[in-house]
Protein backbone atom coordinates (compact mmCIF):
# COMPACT_ATOMS: atom_id res chain seq x y z
CA MET A 1 78.61 130.77 117.69
CA ASN A 2 77.83 130.14 121.25
CA ALA A 3 79.79 129.62 124.51
CA ASP A 4 80.15 125.80 123.72
CA SER A 5 82.23 126.41 120.56
CA HIS A 6 84.50 128.87 118.79
CA ARG A 7 86.43 129.01 115.53
CA ILE A 8 90.15 128.92 114.91
CA SER A 9 91.70 130.19 111.63
CA THR A 10 94.13 127.70 110.32
CA SER A 11 96.31 127.54 107.27
CA PHE A 12 98.83 124.63 106.62
CA GLU A 13 100.31 122.58 103.85
CA THR A 14 98.99 119.09 103.19
CA CYS A 15 101.70 116.57 102.22
CA TYR A 16 100.02 114.23 99.61
CA GLN A 17 102.26 111.25 99.98
CA ARG A 18 102.32 108.67 97.20
CA LEU A 19 105.07 106.31 98.43
CA TYR A 20 103.15 103.22 99.60
CA ASP A 21 105.87 100.82 100.67
CA CYS A 22 106.97 100.75 104.40
CA GLN A 23 109.39 103.65 104.88
CA ALA A 24 109.54 103.62 108.70
CA PRO A 25 109.22 100.16 110.25
CA ASP A 26 108.84 101.32 113.81
CA MET A 27 106.08 103.69 112.96
CA ARG A 28 104.31 101.02 110.87
CA ARG A 29 104.54 98.69 113.98
CA LEU A 30 102.91 101.40 116.01
CA TYR A 31 100.12 101.51 113.43
CA GLU A 32 99.74 97.75 113.53
CA ASN A 33 99.49 97.87 117.37
CA ALA A 34 96.77 100.60 117.14
CA LYS A 35 94.69 98.37 114.83
CA ARG A 36 95.22 95.38 117.13
CA ASP A 37 94.19 97.21 120.27
CA GLN A 38 91.02 99.04 119.29
CA TRP A 39 88.11 98.93 121.72
CA ASN A 40 84.43 99.99 121.51
CA ALA A 41 83.17 102.51 124.11
CA SER A 42 79.62 101.25 123.64
CA ARG A 43 80.40 97.54 123.95
CA ASP A 44 83.47 97.30 126.31
CA ILE A 45 82.43 99.63 129.03
CA ASP A 46 79.97 98.43 131.68
CA TRP A 47 77.52 101.38 131.47
CA ASN A 48 74.99 99.55 133.62
CA ALA A 49 77.37 99.78 136.59
CA PRO A 50 75.74 102.09 139.18
CA LEU A 51 77.41 105.35 140.38
CA ASP A 52 76.73 106.50 143.84
CA LEU A 53 77.21 110.24 143.68
CA GLU A 54 76.77 110.60 147.38
CA SER A 55 79.86 108.61 147.95
CA GLY A 56 81.93 110.85 145.52
CA ILE A 57 83.90 110.11 142.35
CA PHE A 58 87.60 111.07 142.98
CA ALA A 59 89.46 110.11 146.02
CA ASP A 60 88.95 112.92 148.60
CA GLU A 61 92.71 113.61 148.80
CA LEU A 62 92.62 114.91 145.15
CA ILE A 63 90.31 117.84 146.09
CA ASP A 64 92.28 121.06 146.43
CA GLY A 65 92.10 122.12 150.11
CA HIS A 66 91.45 118.70 151.46
CA GLY A 67 92.93 118.23 154.90
CA THR A 68 93.31 121.94 155.54
CA ASP A 69 91.25 124.59 157.39
CA ALA A 70 90.33 126.05 154.07
CA LEU A 71 87.47 123.50 153.77
CA SER A 72 86.82 123.25 157.56
CA ARG A 73 83.36 124.74 157.46
CA LEU A 74 81.89 122.28 154.99
CA ASP A 75 79.77 119.58 156.49
CA ALA A 76 79.96 116.06 155.21
CA LYS A 77 77.04 116.49 152.76
CA THR A 78 78.49 119.58 151.25
CA PHE A 79 81.94 118.09 150.98
CA ALA A 80 80.47 115.13 149.11
CA ARG A 81 78.78 117.57 146.63
CA LEU A 82 82.12 119.26 146.18
CA ASN A 83 83.71 115.87 145.49
CA VAL A 84 81.34 115.40 142.61
CA GLU A 85 81.50 118.91 141.15
CA PHE A 86 85.32 119.04 141.52
CA SER A 87 85.57 115.55 139.81
CA CYS A 88 83.25 116.58 137.00
CA TRP A 89 85.23 119.83 136.52
CA ARG A 90 88.49 117.79 136.20
CA ILE A 91 86.90 115.17 133.91
CA SER A 92 85.38 118.05 131.75
CA GLN A 93 88.91 119.42 131.08
CA LEU A 94 90.08 115.98 130.08
CA LEU A 95 87.03 115.74 127.81
CA HIS A 96 87.85 119.09 126.20
CA GLY A 97 91.48 118.01 125.77
CA GLU A 98 90.43 114.82 124.03
CA GLU A 99 88.26 116.82 121.60
CA GLY A 100 91.11 119.18 120.90
CA ALA A 101 93.44 116.11 120.36
CA MET A 102 91.05 114.64 117.90
CA LEU A 103 91.01 117.86 115.86
CA ALA A 104 94.81 118.25 116.06
CA CYS A 105 95.36 114.61 114.90
CA SER A 106 93.11 115.15 112.02
CA GLN A 107 95.25 118.02 110.95
CA LEU A 108 98.35 115.90 111.41
CA VAL A 109 97.06 113.22 108.97
CA ASP A 110 97.36 116.03 106.29
CA MET A 111 100.66 117.53 107.42
CA VAL A 112 103.04 114.70 108.59
CA PRO A 113 105.46 113.39 105.92
CA GLY A 114 105.34 109.61 105.14
CA ASN A 115 102.32 107.29 104.94
CA ASP A 116 103.54 105.22 107.99
CA ALA A 117 103.00 108.48 110.12
CA LYS A 118 99.78 109.29 108.28
CA PHE A 119 98.33 105.77 108.88
CA PHE A 120 99.14 105.97 112.59
CA GLN A 121 97.61 109.54 112.89
CA ALA A 122 94.43 108.20 111.31
CA THR A 123 94.23 105.66 114.12
CA GLN A 124 94.80 108.32 116.76
CA VAL A 125 91.94 110.35 115.39
CA VAL A 126 89.67 107.35 116.11
CA ASP A 127 91.34 106.93 119.57
CA GLU A 128 90.65 110.51 120.52
CA ALA A 129 87.08 110.38 119.13
CA ARG A 130 86.47 107.30 121.35
CA HIS A 131 87.98 109.10 124.40
CA THR A 132 85.76 111.98 123.71
CA GLU A 133 82.71 109.77 123.34
CA VAL A 134 83.40 107.84 126.53
CA LEU A 135 84.09 110.81 128.78
CA SER A 136 81.14 112.76 127.53
CA ARG A 137 78.86 109.78 128.06
CA TYR A 138 80.23 109.42 131.59
CA LEU A 139 79.42 113.03 132.43
CA LEU A 140 76.15 113.23 130.61
CA ASP A 141 74.68 109.73 131.50
CA LYS A 142 76.22 108.96 134.85
CA CYS A 143 76.86 112.43 136.41
CA GLY A 144 73.62 114.18 135.45
CA GLY A 145 75.15 116.22 132.57
CA ARG A 146 77.76 118.05 134.55
CA VAL A 147 79.96 119.25 131.81
CA TYR A 148 81.95 122.36 132.86
CA PRO A 149 83.29 124.93 130.26
CA ILE A 150 86.94 124.62 129.10
CA SER A 151 89.47 126.38 131.23
CA SER A 152 91.14 129.52 129.90
CA ASN A 153 94.60 127.77 129.97
CA LEU A 154 93.55 124.77 128.12
CA LYS A 155 91.63 126.89 125.53
CA LYS A 156 94.92 128.96 124.95
CA LEU A 157 97.00 125.85 124.61
CA PHE A 158 94.72 124.20 122.05
CA ASP A 159 94.10 127.39 120.15
CA PHE A 160 97.84 127.53 119.54
CA ILE A 161 98.26 123.82 118.77
CA LEU A 162 95.40 123.94 116.29
CA GLY A 163 96.47 127.24 114.76
CA THR A 164 100.09 126.59 114.08
CA ASP A 165 101.14 125.61 110.62
CA LYS A 166 104.09 123.45 111.85
CA TRP A 167 103.43 119.67 112.44
CA PHE A 168 106.30 119.20 114.79
CA ILE A 169 105.04 121.99 117.05
CA LYS A 170 101.64 120.34 117.07
CA THR A 171 103.32 117.09 117.98
CA VAL A 172 105.43 118.62 120.74
CA GLY A 173 102.36 120.38 122.20
CA LEU A 174 100.00 117.45 122.03
CA GLN A 175 101.82 114.14 122.27
CA LEU A 176 104.98 115.19 124.08
CA LEU A 177 103.36 117.52 126.69
CA ALA A 178 99.55 117.55 126.92
CA GLU A 179 99.32 113.83 126.59
CA THR A 180 102.00 113.48 129.31
CA PHE A 181 99.73 115.30 131.78
CA ALA A 182 96.61 113.36 130.69
CA VAL A 183 98.48 110.02 130.94
CA ALA A 184 99.60 110.88 134.48
CA LEU A 185 96.08 111.89 135.57
CA PHE A 186 94.31 108.98 133.91
CA ARG A 187 96.76 106.63 135.62
CA LEU A 188 96.25 108.27 138.99
CA LEU A 189 92.47 108.08 138.57
CA GLY A 190 92.62 104.49 137.38
CA GLU A 191 94.42 103.56 140.60
CA THR A 192 92.55 105.90 143.15
CA ALA A 193 88.96 106.86 141.93
CA LYS A 194 86.18 105.94 144.21
CA ASP A 195 83.97 105.00 141.26
CA PRO A 196 84.84 101.56 139.68
CA LEU A 197 83.44 102.59 136.32
CA LEU A 198 85.73 105.72 136.11
CA ARG A 199 88.62 103.41 136.94
CA GLN A 200 87.65 101.05 134.13
CA ILE A 201 87.35 103.98 131.74
CA CYS A 202 90.77 105.36 132.64
CA LYS A 203 92.51 102.04 132.22
CA ARG A 204 90.86 101.64 128.71
CA ILE A 205 92.10 105.13 127.74
CA LEU A 206 95.57 104.47 129.05
CA SER A 207 95.86 101.49 126.79
CA ASP A 208 95.79 103.95 123.86
CA GLU A 209 97.73 106.84 125.30
CA SER A 210 101.17 105.10 125.50
CA ARG A 211 100.99 104.68 121.60
CA HIS A 212 100.36 108.43 121.28
CA MET A 213 103.44 109.44 123.22
CA GLY A 214 105.28 106.81 121.16
CA PHE A 215 104.45 108.71 118.01
CA SER A 216 106.34 111.76 119.26
CA ILE A 217 109.35 109.70 120.27
CA LEU A 218 109.53 108.07 116.73
CA SER A 219 108.64 111.11 114.69
CA LEU A 220 110.46 114.14 116.33
CA PRO A 221 114.16 113.26 116.76
CA ASP A 222 115.14 113.56 113.10
CA GLU A 223 112.94 116.66 112.61
CA ILE A 224 114.46 118.34 115.73
CA ARG A 225 118.00 117.67 114.46
CA SER A 226 117.25 119.24 111.13
CA LEU A 227 115.65 122.50 112.52
CA SER A 228 117.29 125.77 111.95
CA PRO A 229 118.48 127.54 115.20
CA SER A 230 115.56 130.01 114.96
CA ASP A 231 113.01 127.26 114.50
CA LYS A 232 114.43 125.31 117.34
CA ARG A 233 114.24 128.31 119.67
CA GLU A 234 110.60 128.75 118.60
CA VAL A 235 109.87 125.00 119.60
CA GLU A 236 111.69 125.56 122.96
CA ASP A 237 109.81 128.74 123.64
CA PHE A 238 106.52 127.14 122.81
CA MET A 239 107.37 124.05 124.92
CA ARG A 240 107.98 126.31 127.92
CA GLU A 241 104.63 128.10 127.56
CA ALA A 242 102.85 124.85 127.02
CA ILE A 243 104.23 123.31 130.17
CA VAL A 244 103.16 126.33 132.19
CA LEU A 245 99.70 126.25 130.75
CA VAL A 246 99.29 122.61 131.55
CA LEU A 247 100.76 122.66 135.11
CA ARG A 248 99.48 126.03 136.32
CA GLY A 249 96.26 127.92 136.46
CA GLN A 250 93.89 124.85 136.17
CA PHE A 251 91.91 125.77 139.23
CA PRO A 252 88.25 124.51 139.40
CA ARG A 253 86.75 127.73 140.80
CA GLU A 254 83.39 126.91 139.26
CA ALA A 255 83.10 123.67 141.27
CA TYR A 256 83.50 125.59 144.51
CA GLU A 257 80.97 128.18 143.41
CA THR A 258 78.40 125.49 142.71
CA VAL A 259 78.40 124.23 146.28
CA GLY A 260 77.97 127.81 147.60
CA MET A 261 81.47 128.85 148.61
CA SER A 262 82.06 132.56 148.77
CA ALA A 263 84.78 134.31 146.73
CA SER A 264 86.96 134.71 149.90
CA GLU A 265 86.60 131.08 150.81
CA ILE A 266 87.61 130.02 147.27
CA ASP A 267 90.60 132.34 147.28
CA LYS A 268 91.72 130.80 150.63
CA VAL A 269 91.58 127.34 148.89
CA LYS A 270 93.58 128.73 146.01
CA ARG A 271 96.19 130.25 148.38
CA VAL A 272 96.47 127.03 150.39
CA ARG A 273 97.06 125.06 147.20
CA VAL A 274 99.91 127.40 146.16
CA GLU A 275 101.48 127.28 149.59
CA VAL A 276 101.49 123.57 149.71
CA ALA A 277 103.04 123.39 146.30
CA ARG A 278 105.77 125.98 147.17
CA ALA A 279 106.55 124.02 150.36
CA GLY A 280 107.33 120.97 148.22
CA ALA A 281 105.13 118.82 150.46
CA ASP A 282 101.72 117.56 149.60
CA TYR A 283 99.01 116.56 151.99
CA ALA A 284 98.20 113.67 149.71
CA TYR A 285 101.25 111.32 149.24
CA PHE A 286 100.06 109.71 145.98
CA ARG A 287 99.42 113.10 144.57
CA SER A 288 103.05 114.17 145.13
CA VAL A 289 104.20 110.89 143.56
CA PHE A 290 101.83 111.66 140.56
CA ARG A 291 103.56 115.06 140.10
CA ARG A 292 107.05 113.60 140.35
CA GLU A 293 106.26 110.91 137.74
CA MET A 294 104.68 113.37 135.46
CA HIS A 295 107.75 115.75 135.64
CA ALA A 296 110.08 112.76 135.13
CA THR A 297 108.10 111.74 131.97
CA VAL A 298 108.36 115.32 130.54
CA VAL A 299 112.15 115.30 131.06
CA THR A 300 112.69 111.82 129.73
CA ASN A 301 110.66 112.49 126.56
CA MET A 302 112.35 115.83 125.89
CA LYS A 303 115.78 113.92 126.20
CA LYS A 304 114.64 111.23 123.80
CA VAL A 305 113.51 113.73 121.07
CA GLY A 306 116.59 116.01 121.43
CA LEU A 307 114.93 118.89 123.21
CA LEU A 308 116.85 118.70 126.54
CA ASN A 309 119.76 121.10 126.47
CA GLU A 310 121.21 123.87 128.63
CA ARG A 311 118.67 126.38 127.52
CA THR A 312 115.62 124.13 128.11
CA SER A 313 117.05 122.79 131.38
CA THR A 314 117.16 126.39 132.67
CA MET A 315 113.57 126.86 131.50
CA LEU A 316 112.54 123.64 133.43
CA ARG A 317 114.29 124.81 136.63
CA ASP A 318 112.41 128.13 136.35
CA ILE A 319 109.14 126.32 136.06
CA GLY A 320 109.99 124.04 139.03
CA ILE A 321 110.96 120.80 137.25
CA ASP A 322 114.24 119.10 137.90
CA PRO A 323 115.93 118.51 134.48
CA ASN A 324 117.95 115.68 136.01
CA LEU A 325 114.88 113.60 136.85
CA SER A 326 114.30 110.27 135.15
CA LEU A 327 111.62 107.71 135.07
CA SER A 328 113.77 105.10 136.86
CA ALA A 329 114.25 107.62 139.65
CA ALA A 330 110.66 108.84 139.86
């Protein structure tokens, strides 16, 4: 094995379902929508569109430390390089997440009860493969091969998702939480990225992602209601850890190192980022809106599947999420 791969020991039961009539009409409709909305990353993306790396990829306001004295010594050329490296680091994490999602969904095809759910999960495997294809091609062909390693937090999250033998925990970790963060970021990039090609890619990916979250909303409520108290606490505890892994610790240190910033300079950027977050004010308005919408989606989806209660509300407050948020108020 090398640094670009690792193995995860897995053991789970496969449900060989042999009831072929439609048992879950809403899930079957989701499957029909997935078939209808398939797109081809080779044909439907304009790969001939030029990318001007000197102009940057993300909006400058998305770069940690932008607008503060933490980056004041950087000249315009170095800051433009930082934009590219920072952007590629973030896209790399999305790429690794899509790869992990493809593997998790392939497991769910085996594990979920009911062929309607199995049919849909088979389409999500294809979706996640396409997302992995399109993001890797963007980094390899358009960004000079800048693929950064997976972050420790993301690796820990997907190691657990892929290693658990309970399909409903995989679904909570993947579709309810990790996909929520990815959707919020893809939506933000689709609206604000400097590169029109990246905006096009993000909007294509978003056309799939709403279906993926829809799977958790349809499949989890009955399962959550049937859980024993100990199993439900296990789900709640995992959910808290997963939210922390998704929302915290995703700091692109390697991007700053690539443009020549010292350890002390990078630590200053990290401190400024934490201070801004604690102050509850963000130097980029649309980024604060992104965070609020993401939090509201987590709360709303937890409520829909039956995971929002007094215990989990306390967990959310401890993490810094208002359990009273709703999408209509975001």
